[in-house]
Amino acid sequence: MKKVLVVMMLAIALQMGTAFAIPVTDLQPQQSALSLAVHGGDRSTDLGLTTQLTPTFSIGFQHVDWDNSSAMNDFYAQFGLDEKGQTRLLLGNRTFSSESKIFVGVAQLAPLNEQWTGYGELLGGSNFHELDLGVYYKITDTALLNFEYRTFSDHGTRNGMGIGLTTTF
């Protein structure tokens, strides 16, 4: 089942021009995650904060800065759709400079073993699409190393590989 999910996500990634995103993490209620990532292909720096309020509901903020030339901010909510919270519905608001857009999306976590977890996230809004595929490695109980590929389409496409660090508290 896990292999099928990974193959499906890769197939979608190769067929679409879309995404960015802080890693989709597995948090407990009242726990938060602070993430920082850099992407070489699109020359961006991402900073995000997510807080799990209940077992099935979290809120978050993400800021993306593209080489100091433009920026984008997201405010979002994640709703767990399954018992373990590995499939999620995302609703949010994205601000590009002075333009604001509502978006909807879906995210999926796929634990691969004790240390590795794969994830995929697909978002869309008015005239933009986003896809993020990645894995994170559990360094400690409160630190994750993230590797991801993202593609984001809005008046052109930005994509590339990224690496990041997430800490939970």
N, C-alpha and C. Protein backbone atom coordinates (compact mmCIF):
# COMPACT_ATOMS: atom_id res chain seq x y z
N MET A 1 0.82 -1.19 0.00
CA MET A 1 0.00 0.00 0.00
C MET A 1 0.87 1.26 0.00
N LYS A 2 1.93 1.25 0.80
CA LYS A 2 2.80 2.42 0.86
C LYS A 2 3.47 2.67 -0.49
N LYS A 3 3.88 1.58 -1.17
CA LYS A 3 4.52 1.73 -2.47
C LYS A 3 3.55 2.31 -3.49
N VAL A 4 2.30 1.88 -3.43
CA VAL A 4 1.29 2.39 -4.35
C VAL A 4 1.09 3.89 -4.13
N LEU A 5 1.02 4.31 -2.88
CA LEU A 5 0.86 5.73 -2.56
C LEU A 5 2.02 6.56 -3.09
N VAL A 6 3.24 6.09 -2.89
CA VAL A 6 4.43 6.82 -3.36
C VAL A 6 4.42 6.91 -4.89
N VAL A 7 4.10 5.80 -5.58
CA VAL A 7 4.06 5.80 -7.04
C VAL A 7 2.98 6.76 -7.55
N MET A 8 1.81 6.75 -6.90
CA MET A 8 0.74 7.67 -7.31
C MET A 8 1.17 9.13 -7.14
N MET A 9 1.81 9.45 -6.03
CA MET A 9 2.25 10.82 -5.79
C MET A 9 3.30 11.25 -6.81
N LEU A 10 4.23 10.34 -7.14
CA LEU A 10 5.24 10.67 -8.15
C LEU A 10 4.60 10.87 -9.51
N ALA A 11 3.62 10.05 -9.86
CA ALA A 11 2.92 10.20 -11.14
C ALA A 11 2.23 11.56 -11.21
N ILE A 12 1.57 11.95 -10.14
CA ILE A 12 0.92 13.26 -10.10
C ILE A 12 1.96 14.37 -10.24
N ALA A 13 3.08 14.22 -9.55
CA ALA A 13 4.13 15.25 -9.59
C ALA A 13 4.68 15.44 -11.00
N LEU A 14 4.83 14.36 -11.74
CA LEU A 14 5.38 14.45 -13.08
C LEU A 14 4.39 15.01 -14.09
N GLN A 15 3.10 14.98 -13.77
CA GLN A 15 2.08 15.44 -14.70
C GLN A 15 1.61 16.85 -14.42
N MET A 16 1.92 17.43 -13.30
CA MET A 16 1.38 18.73 -12.93
C MET A 16 2.49 19.75 -12.71
N GLY A 17 2.19 20.99 -12.94
CA GLY A 17 3.09 22.06 -12.57
C GLY A 17 2.48 22.76 -11.37
N THR A 18 2.93 22.47 -10.14
CA THR A 18 2.34 23.01 -8.92
C THR A 18 3.29 23.13 -7.75
N ALA A 19 3.60 23.63 -6.33
CA ALA A 19 3.78 23.67 -4.88
C ALA A 19 4.96 24.25 -4.12
N PHE A 20 4.92 24.35 -2.84
CA PHE A 20 6.00 24.71 -1.92
C PHE A 20 5.84 23.92 -0.64
N ALA A 21 5.61 24.43 0.47
CA ALA A 21 5.13 23.81 1.69
C ALA A 21 6.17 23.36 2.71
N ILE A 22 5.85 23.70 3.93
CA ILE A 22 6.54 23.20 5.10
C ILE A 22 6.12 21.74 5.24
N PRO A 23 7.00 20.86 5.73
CA PRO A 23 6.62 19.46 5.81
C PRO A 23 5.36 19.21 6.63
N VAL A 24 4.58 18.25 6.19
CA VAL A 24 3.39 17.82 6.92
C VAL A 24 3.89 16.95 8.06
N THR A 25 3.74 17.40 9.29
CA THR A 25 4.29 16.67 10.44
C THR A 25 3.18 16.05 11.28
N ASP A 26 3.56 15.04 12.03
CA ASP A 26 2.64 14.32 12.91
C ASP A 26 2.80 14.88 14.32
N LEU A 27 1.83 15.71 14.74
CA LEU A 27 1.90 16.36 16.04
C LEU A 27 0.82 15.84 16.98
N GLN A 28 1.06 15.98 18.27
CA GLN A 28 0.09 15.65 19.30
C GLN A 28 -0.66 16.93 19.68
N PRO A 29 -1.88 16.82 20.25
CA PRO A 29 -2.60 18.03 20.68
C PRO A 29 -1.74 18.89 21.61
N GLN A 30 -1.81 20.20 21.39
CA GLN A 30 -1.06 21.22 22.14
C GLN A 30 0.43 21.22 21.81
N GLN A 31 0.85 20.50 20.77
CA GLN A 31 2.24 20.49 20.34
C GLN A 31 2.37 21.38 19.10
N SER A 32 3.53 22.02 18.94
CA SER A 32 3.78 22.89 17.79
C SER A 32 5.04 22.45 17.07
N ALA A 33 5.14 22.86 15.80
CA ALA A 33 6.33 22.57 14.99
C ALA A 33 6.79 23.87 14.34
N LEU A 34 8.07 24.17 14.46
CA LEU A 34 8.70 25.32 13.82
C LEU A 34 9.65 24.78 12.77
N SER A 35 9.48 25.23 11.51
CA SER A 35 10.27 24.69 10.40
C SER A 35 10.97 25.79 9.62
N LEU A 36 12.17 25.47 9.15
CA LEU A 36 12.94 26.35 8.28
C LEU A 36 13.47 25.49 7.14
N ALA A 37 13.29 25.96 5.89
CA ALA A 37 13.76 25.20 4.73
C ALA A 37 14.34 26.15 3.70
N VAL A 38 15.29 25.65 2.91
CA VAL A 38 15.85 26.38 1.79
C VAL A 38 15.73 25.51 0.55
N HIS A 39 15.44 26.17 -0.59
CA HIS A 39 15.29 25.47 -1.86
C HIS A 39 16.26 26.07 -2.86
N GLY A 40 17.03 25.21 -3.50
CA GLY A 40 18.01 25.68 -4.47
C GLY A 40 17.42 26.06 -5.80
N GLY A 41 16.49 25.25 -6.32
CA GLY A 41 15.93 25.48 -7.65
C GLY A 41 15.19 26.79 -7.77
N ASP A 42 14.36 27.12 -6.79
CA ASP A 42 13.60 28.37 -6.86
C ASP A 42 14.17 29.45 -5.96
N ARG A 43 15.32 29.18 -5.36
CA ARG A 43 16.03 30.15 -4.51
C ARG A 43 15.11 30.77 -3.47
N SER A 44 14.50 29.92 -2.65
CA SER A 44 13.58 30.42 -1.64
C SER A 44 13.98 29.96 -0.25
N THR A 45 13.49 30.69 0.73
CA THR A 45 13.62 30.34 2.14
C THR A 45 12.21 30.31 2.71
N ASP A 46 11.88 29.22 3.41
CA ASP A 46 10.54 29.04 3.99
C ASP A 46 10.65 28.98 5.50
N LEU A 47 9.71 29.62 6.17
CA LEU A 47 9.61 29.57 7.62
C LEU A 47 8.16 29.27 7.96
N GLY A 48 7.93 28.28 8.82
CA GLY A 48 6.55 27.93 9.14
C GLY A 48 6.37 27.54 10.60
N LEU A 49 5.14 27.72 11.07
CA LEU A 49 4.76 27.34 12.42
C LEU A 49 3.38 26.68 12.35
N THR A 50 3.27 25.48 12.90
CA THR A 50 2.00 24.75 12.95
C THR A 50 1.74 24.35 14.39
N THR A 51 0.49 24.48 14.85
CA THR A 51 0.09 24.06 16.19
C THR A 51 -1.11 23.14 16.10
N GLN A 52 -0.98 21.98 16.73
CA GLN A 52 -2.06 20.99 16.78
C GLN A 52 -2.95 21.34 17.97
N LEU A 53 -4.19 21.77 17.70
CA LEU A 53 -5.09 22.18 18.78
C LEU A 53 -5.89 21.02 19.35
N THR A 54 -6.33 20.10 18.50
CA THR A 54 -7.07 18.91 18.92
C THR A 54 -6.49 17.72 18.15
N PRO A 55 -6.93 16.50 18.42
CA PRO A 55 -6.39 15.37 17.65
C PRO A 55 -6.65 15.47 16.15
N THR A 56 -7.65 16.22 15.72
CA THR A 56 -7.98 16.29 14.28
C THR A 56 -7.95 17.70 13.70
N PHE A 57 -7.42 18.68 14.42
CA PHE A 57 -7.44 20.06 13.93
C PHE A 57 -6.15 20.79 14.30
N SER A 58 -5.53 21.42 13.30
CA SER A 58 -4.34 22.25 13.55
C SER A 58 -4.44 23.52 12.73
N ILE A 59 -3.70 24.53 13.15
CA ILE A 59 -3.61 25.80 12.43
C ILE A 59 -2.14 26.11 12.18
N GLY A 60 -1.88 26.93 11.16
CA GLY A 60 -0.50 27.25 10.89
C GLY A 60 -0.31 28.50 10.06
N PHE A 61 0.95 28.90 9.97
CA PHE A 61 1.40 30.06 9.20
C PHE A 61 2.68 29.67 8.49
N GLN A 62 2.83 30.12 7.24
CA GLN A 62 4.07 29.91 6.51
C GLN A 62 4.42 31.16 5.73
N HIS A 63 5.70 31.51 5.75
CA HIS A 63 6.23 32.63 4.97
C HIS A 63 7.28 32.08 4.00
N VAL A 64 7.16 32.43 2.73
CA VAL A 64 8.14 32.03 1.71
C VAL A 64 8.73 33.29 1.10
N ASP A 65 10.05 33.36 1.07
CA ASP A 65 10.76 34.50 0.51
C ASP A 65 11.61 33.99 -0.65
N TRP A 66 11.33 34.49 -1.87
CA TRP A 66 12.09 34.08 -3.05
C TRP A 66 13.23 35.04 -3.29
N ASP A 67 14.39 34.71 -2.80
CA ASP A 67 15.62 35.46 -3.05
C ASP A 67 15.42 36.97 -2.90
N ASN A 68 14.64 37.35 -1.88
CA ASN A 68 14.36 38.75 -1.57
C ASN A 68 13.70 39.52 -2.70
N SER A 69 13.12 38.80 -3.69
CA SER A 69 12.45 39.50 -4.79
C SER A 69 10.93 39.51 -4.65
N SER A 70 10.37 38.49 -4.05
CA SER A 70 8.93 38.44 -3.80
C SER A 70 8.69 37.51 -2.62
N ALA A 71 7.49 37.59 -2.07
CA ALA A 71 7.18 36.77 -0.89
C ALA A 71 5.72 36.36 -0.92
N MET A 72 5.41 35.36 -0.08
CA MET A 72 4.06 34.88 0.03
C MET A 72 3.86 34.41 1.47
N ASN A 73 2.64 34.62 1.99
CA ASN A 73 2.28 34.19 3.34
C ASN A 73 1.01 33.34 3.28
N ASP A 74 1.02 32.26 4.04
CA ASP A 74 -0.15 31.39 4.16
C ASP A 74 -0.61 31.34 5.60
N PHE A 75 -1.92 31.43 5.79
CA PHE A 75 -2.56 31.10 7.06
C PHE A 75 -3.49 29.95 6.72
N TYR A 76 -3.42 28.84 7.47
CA TYR A 76 -4.19 27.66 7.08
C TYR A 76 -4.66 26.86 8.28
N ALA A 77 -5.62 25.98 7.99
CA ALA A 77 -6.12 25.00 8.96
C ALA A 77 -6.03 23.63 8.32
N GLN A 78 -5.70 22.62 9.13
CA GLN A 78 -5.65 21.24 8.68
C GLN A 78 -6.69 20.45 9.47
N PHE A 79 -7.48 19.65 8.76
CA PHE A 79 -8.51 18.82 9.38
C PHE A 79 -8.17 17.36 9.11
N GLY A 80 -7.96 16.57 10.16
CA GLY A 80 -7.68 15.15 10.00
C GLY A 80 -8.91 14.43 9.47
N LEU A 81 -8.73 13.61 8.43
CA LEU A 81 -9.85 12.91 7.82
C LEU A 81 -9.91 11.43 8.19
N ASP A 82 -8.85 10.92 8.79
CA ASP A 82 -8.84 9.52 9.20
C ASP A 82 -8.48 9.43 10.68
N GLU A 83 -8.60 8.24 11.23
CA GLU A 83 -8.41 8.02 12.67
C GLU A 83 -7.02 8.43 13.15
N LYS A 84 -5.98 8.16 12.35
CA LYS A 84 -4.61 8.47 12.75
C LYS A 84 -4.17 9.87 12.33
N GLY A 85 -5.02 10.60 11.61
CA GLY A 85 -4.68 11.95 11.18
C GLY A 85 -3.65 12.01 10.07
N GLN A 86 -3.50 10.91 9.31
CA GLN A 86 -2.50 10.89 8.26
C GLN A 86 -3.02 11.45 6.93
N THR A 87 -4.33 11.50 6.77
CA THR A 87 -4.94 12.13 5.60
C THR A 87 -5.62 13.41 6.08
N ARG A 88 -5.31 14.53 5.42
CA ARG A 88 -5.79 15.82 5.92
C ARG A 88 -6.36 16.69 4.81
N LEU A 89 -7.38 17.42 5.17
CA LEU A 89 -7.95 18.45 4.32
C LEU A 89 -7.35 19.77 4.77
N LEU A 90 -6.91 20.60 3.83
CA LEU A 90 -6.32 21.90 4.16
C LEU A 90 -7.17 23.01 3.56
N LEU A 91 -7.42 24.03 4.35
CA LEU A 91 -8.11 25.23 3.91
C LEU A 91 -7.29 26.42 4.37
N GLY A 92 -7.13 27.42 3.49
CA GLY A 92 -6.31 28.54 3.92
C GLY A 92 -6.45 29.77 3.06
N ASN A 93 -5.65 30.75 3.41
CA ASN A 93 -5.59 32.01 2.69
C ASN A 93 -4.13 32.31 2.38
N ARG A 94 -3.85 32.58 1.11
CA ARG A 94 -2.49 32.88 0.67
C ARG A 94 -2.43 34.33 0.22
N THR A 95 -1.42 35.06 0.68
CA THR A 95 -1.22 36.44 0.29
C THR A 95 0.07 36.56 -0.52
N PHE A 96 -0.06 37.06 -1.75
CA PHE A 96 1.08 37.39 -2.61
C PHE A 96 1.14 38.90 -2.65
N SER A 97 2.16 39.50 -2.11
CA SER A 97 2.27 40.96 -2.06
C SER A 97 0.95 41.54 -1.55
N SER A 98 0.13 42.14 -2.43
CA SER A 98 -1.13 42.72 -1.97
C SER A 98 -2.34 41.88 -2.38
N GLU A 99 -2.12 40.78 -3.09
CA GLU A 99 -3.20 39.93 -3.57
C GLU A 99 -3.43 38.76 -2.62
N SER A 100 -4.68 38.49 -2.29
CA SER A 100 -5.02 37.42 -1.36
C SER A 100 -5.92 36.40 -2.06
N LYS A 101 -5.62 35.08 -1.84
CA LYS A 101 -6.38 34.02 -2.49
C LYS A 101 -6.69 32.91 -1.49
N ILE A 102 -7.93 32.39 -1.56
CA ILE A 102 -8.32 31.24 -0.75
C ILE A 102 -7.80 29.98 -1.45
N PHE A 103 -7.35 28.98 -0.66
CA PHE A 103 -6.94 27.72 -1.27
C PHE A 103 -7.51 26.54 -0.49
N VAL A 104 -7.56 25.41 -1.17
CA VAL A 104 -8.00 24.14 -0.59
C VAL A 104 -6.98 23.08 -1.02
N GLY A 105 -6.82 22.07 -0.20
CA GLY A 105 -5.85 21.04 -0.56
C GLY A 105 -6.03 19.78 0.26
N VAL A 106 -5.16 18.83 -0.03
CA VAL A 106 -5.15 17.57 0.69
C VAL A 106 -3.69 17.21 0.97
N ALA A 107 -3.46 16.59 2.11
CA ALA A 107 -2.11 16.15 2.48
C ALA A 107 -2.18 14.71 2.97
N GLN A 108 -1.11 13.97 2.75
CA GLN A 108 -1.04 12.57 3.17
C GLN A 108 0.32 12.28 3.77
N LEU A 109 0.32 11.73 4.97
CA LEU A 109 1.54 11.23 5.61
C LEU A 109 1.62 9.73 5.37
N ALA A 110 2.83 9.20 5.20
CA ALA A 110 3.03 7.77 5.00
C ALA A 110 4.27 7.33 5.78
N PRO A 111 4.10 6.87 7.03
CA PRO A 111 5.27 6.39 7.79
C PRO A 111 5.93 5.23 7.04
N LEU A 112 7.25 5.34 6.84
CA LEU A 112 7.99 4.32 6.11
C LEU A 112 8.68 3.33 7.05
N ASN A 113 9.16 3.83 8.18
CA ASN A 113 9.72 3.00 9.25
C ASN A 113 9.82 3.88 10.50
N GLU A 114 10.58 3.46 11.50
CA GLU A 114 10.67 4.22 12.77
C GLU A 114 11.21 5.64 12.57
N GLN A 115 12.18 5.83 11.65
CA GLN A 115 12.81 7.12 11.48
C GLN A 115 12.29 7.93 10.29
N TRP A 116 11.81 7.29 9.24
CA TRP A 116 11.46 7.96 8.00
C TRP A 116 9.95 8.02 7.80
N THR A 117 9.46 9.19 7.36
CA THR A 117 8.06 9.38 7.01
C THR A 117 7.98 10.14 5.69
N GLY A 118 7.20 9.64 4.76
CA GLY A 118 6.97 10.32 3.49
C GLY A 118 5.72 11.16 3.58
N TYR A 119 5.61 12.17 2.74
CA TYR A 119 4.41 13.00 2.71
C TYR A 119 4.22 13.61 1.33
N GLY A 120 2.99 13.94 1.06
CA GLY A 120 2.63 14.65 -0.17
C GLY A 120 1.55 15.66 0.16
N GLU A 121 1.57 16.76 -0.57
CA GLU A 121 0.59 17.81 -0.34
C GLU A 121 0.24 18.43 -1.69
N LEU A 122 -1.04 18.56 -1.96
CA LEU A 122 -1.52 19.16 -3.19
C LEU A 122 -2.49 20.27 -2.83
N LEU A 123 -2.21 21.50 -3.28
CA LEU A 123 -3.04 22.66 -2.98
C LEU A 123 -3.45 23.36 -4.28
N GLY A 124 -4.57 24.03 -4.23
CA GLY A 124 -4.98 24.81 -5.38
C GLY A 124 -5.87 25.96 -4.97
N GLY A 125 -5.78 27.03 -5.73
CA GLY A 125 -6.61 28.21 -5.51
C GLY A 125 -6.81 28.91 -6.83
N SER A 126 -7.33 30.10 -6.79
CA SER A 126 -7.58 30.87 -7.99
C SER A 126 -6.27 31.14 -8.73
N ASN A 127 -6.10 30.50 -9.87
CA ASN A 127 -4.93 30.68 -10.74
C ASN A 127 -3.61 30.21 -10.15
N PHE A 128 -3.60 29.36 -9.14
CA PHE A 128 -2.34 28.78 -8.70
C PHE A 128 -2.55 27.32 -8.29
N HIS A 129 -1.47 26.56 -8.41
CA HIS A 129 -1.43 25.16 -8.00
C HIS A 129 -0.11 24.93 -7.28
N GLU A 130 -0.10 23.95 -6.41
CA GLU A 130 1.10 23.66 -5.65
C GLU A 130 1.17 22.17 -5.34
N LEU A 131 2.34 21.59 -5.47
CA LEU A 131 2.57 20.19 -5.12
C LEU A 131 3.89 20.10 -4.37
N ASP A 132 3.87 19.35 -3.28
CA ASP A 132 5.07 19.15 -2.47
C ASP A 132 5.16 17.67 -2.13
N LEU A 133 6.30 17.04 -2.45
CA LEU A 133 6.55 15.65 -2.11
C LEU A 133 7.85 15.59 -1.32
N GLY A 134 7.84 14.86 -0.21
CA GLY A 134 9.05 14.82 0.58
C GLY A 134 9.10 13.67 1.57
N VAL A 135 10.21 13.61 2.25
CA VAL A 135 10.41 12.67 3.36
C VAL A 135 11.10 13.44 4.47
N TYR A 136 10.81 13.03 5.70
CA TYR A 136 11.60 13.57 6.79
C TYR A 136 12.16 12.45 7.64
N TYR A 137 13.34 12.73 8.18
CA TYR A 137 14.07 11.79 9.01
C TYR A 137 14.03 12.28 10.45
N LYS A 138 13.64 11.40 11.36
CA LYS A 138 13.55 11.74 12.78
C LYS A 138 14.95 11.67 13.39
N ILE A 139 15.55 12.83 13.65
CA ILE A 139 16.88 12.90 14.26
C ILE A 139 16.78 12.58 15.74
N THR A 140 15.85 13.26 16.42
CA THR A 140 15.56 13.02 17.83
C THR A 140 14.04 13.08 17.98
N ASP A 141 13.53 12.97 19.19
CA ASP A 141 12.09 13.08 19.42
C ASP A 141 11.55 14.47 19.08
N THR A 142 12.41 15.47 19.04
CA THR A 142 11.94 16.84 18.77
C THR A 142 12.60 17.49 17.55
N ALA A 143 13.36 16.75 16.77
CA ALA A 143 14.04 17.33 15.59
C ALA A 143 13.88 16.42 14.38
N LEU A 144 13.50 17.03 13.25
CA LEU A 144 13.31 16.32 11.99
C LEU A 144 14.14 16.98 10.90
N LEU A 145 14.77 16.17 10.06
CA LEU A 145 15.49 16.66 8.89
C LEU A 145 14.60 16.36 7.68
N ASN A 146 14.31 17.38 6.88
CA ASN A 146 13.35 17.27 5.80
C ASN A 146 14.01 17.41 4.44
N PHE A 147 13.62 16.52 3.50
CA PHE A 147 14.06 16.60 2.10
C PHE A 147 12.79 16.65 1.26
N GLU A 148 12.72 17.62 0.33
CA GLU A 148 11.48 17.74 -0.44
C GLU A 148 11.73 18.23 -1.85
N TYR A 149 10.75 17.91 -2.70
CA TYR A 149 10.69 18.49 -4.04
C TYR A 149 9.37 19.26 -4.11
N ARG A 150 9.43 20.46 -4.62
CA ARG A 150 8.21 21.22 -4.76
C ARG A 150 8.17 21.90 -6.11
N THR A 151 6.94 22.12 -6.54
CA THR A 151 6.72 22.90 -7.75
C THR A 151 5.49 23.77 -7.49
N PHE A 152 5.58 25.00 -7.90
CA PHE A 152 4.54 25.99 -7.62
C PHE A 152 4.25 26.76 -8.90
N SER A 153 2.98 26.87 -9.26
CA SER A 153 2.59 27.54 -10.49
C SER A 153 1.64 28.69 -10.19
N ASP A 154 2.08 29.90 -10.51
CA ASP A 154 1.26 31.10 -10.44
C ASP A 154 1.95 32.14 -11.30
N HIS A 155 1.44 32.38 -12.50
CA HIS A 155 2.08 33.30 -13.44
C HIS A 155 3.52 32.87 -13.69
N GLY A 156 3.72 31.60 -13.95
CA GLY A 156 5.04 31.00 -14.14
C GLY A 156 5.22 29.88 -13.13
N THR A 157 6.25 29.08 -13.32
CA THR A 157 6.48 27.93 -12.45
C THR A 157 7.81 28.06 -11.74
N ARG A 158 7.80 27.74 -10.45
CA ARG A 158 9.02 27.69 -9.65
C ARG A 158 9.09 26.28 -9.06
N ASN A 159 10.25 25.63 -9.17
CA ASN A 159 10.36 24.30 -8.58
C ASN A 159 11.80 24.01 -8.22
N GLY A 160 11.97 22.95 -7.42
CA GLY A 160 13.31 22.53 -7.05
C GLY A 160 13.32 21.71 -5.78
N MET A 161 14.50 21.21 -5.47
CA MET A 161 14.73 20.41 -4.28
C MET A 161 15.02 21.33 -3.11
N GLY A 162 14.63 20.86 -1.92
CA GLY A 162 14.88 21.64 -0.72
C GLY A 162 15.28 20.76 0.45
N ILE A 163 15.87 21.39 1.44
CA ILE A 163 16.25 20.72 2.67
C ILE A 163 15.84 21.63 3.83
N GLY A 164 15.39 21.02 4.90
CA GLY A 164 14.94 21.83 6.02
C GLY A 164 15.09 21.12 7.34
N LEU A 165 14.84 21.87 8.39
CA LEU A 165 14.90 21.36 9.76
C LEU A 165 13.63 21.78 10.46
N THR A 166 13.01 20.82 11.17
CA THR A 166 11.80 21.09 11.94
C THR A 166 12.05 20.70 13.38
N THR A 167 11.61 21.55 14.29
CA THR A 167 11.68 21.22 15.70
C THR A 167 10.28 21.28 16.28
N THR A 168 9.97 20.34 17.16
CA THR A 168 8.66 20.31 17.80
C THR A 168 8.81 20.67 19.28
N PHE A 169 7.78 21.29 19.80
CA PHE A 169 7.82 21.70 21.20
C PHE A 169 6.41 21.76 21.74
